[in-house]
Amino acid sequence: MIYSMTGYGKSVCELPQKKISIEIKSLNSKQLDLNTRIPNLYREKDIEIRNLVGTKVSRGKVDVSFYIEAASSDKITNINTPVVEQYYDQIKPLASKLNLEEKTDFLRIIMPLPDTVKIEQAELDETEWVAIKAGIENATEELIQFRKQEGAILEKDIKQRINTIAQLQTAIEPFESERIEKIRTRIRENLNELPEKNKIDENRFEQEIIFYLEKLDITEEKVRLTNHLKYFLETLDTDKPVGKKLGFISQEIGREINTLGSKANDANIQRMVIQMKDELEKIKEQILNIL
């Protein structure tokens, strides 16, 4: 069973004064890249949030976000009485001196001035944090299940493409013997066009043909390709994260397919090699999203 790096999990915490929606999204990445988007009230728990998610989610670009619907703000606003009194003690004599005292609304003038209001961040209630922590764990589990479902889809698609490559390899075999005869015939025809064709040593000719055909022999490449495809499927069925390992195996598969193409010397085989390459490229794209 493989897991995708793409996933989504959500949990909603219903608290007495607020509702918190916790969302965790993940995309593919070479390493674990975890980002948090949380209000200032919960910043003190940032490391704990990262540990909660990071211990269960390996690899991927992961975003943890809090969305809050609250009856009141998490900021506490207090009037700074000493500062207001100081402003009043200075403004009132000035208003009396200018004969404006009766017409002046002192609070309207004073309150917009600096430092008349103190804004403090409310403290995080531990009972609230326990509920949020449980919500993060639930969202993480939902993310993992999403990854598992996506992984099952990827696994089915990749296995089908690996089997297609194996079938194309088998389909090459009938053209191998035909290819040898075609090469032999073509060389013979070219030799017959030479002026001194009667002086050709048949034994030497056969030796050279065998030597030439050995260079074009693809038996070893086919055996290695078969083994790589088998190993790929065996690795795919393990329970551990195998994304990087599958990437390495796919590179080896690509090398054997490329060698088949370079030795093919036959249009039919070349067409099948191209189809193999196309399937392998699609597999590599899928592997980038495997955990």
Foldseek 3Di string as FASTA:
>chain_A
DFFFQFFKFWFWFDDPFKIKIKIKTWFADPWEAEEEAEDPQCPVCVVVLCVLQVVLRTGTNMYIYIDMDGPDDQKDKDFPVVQLVVQCVVVQVVCVVVVNNVVDPSCVVRVVDPPRMDIGGHHDDVVVVVSVSVRSNRRSVRGRVRRVVVLVVLLVLLLVLLVLLVVLLVVCVVVLVVLLVVVLVVVLVVLVPDPPSVPDDPVVVVVVSVVVVVVLDLPVLSVQLVVLSVVLNVLSPDPDQCLVVNLVSLVVNLVSLVSNCVSVNDPSSVVSSVSSVVSSVVNNVSSSRID
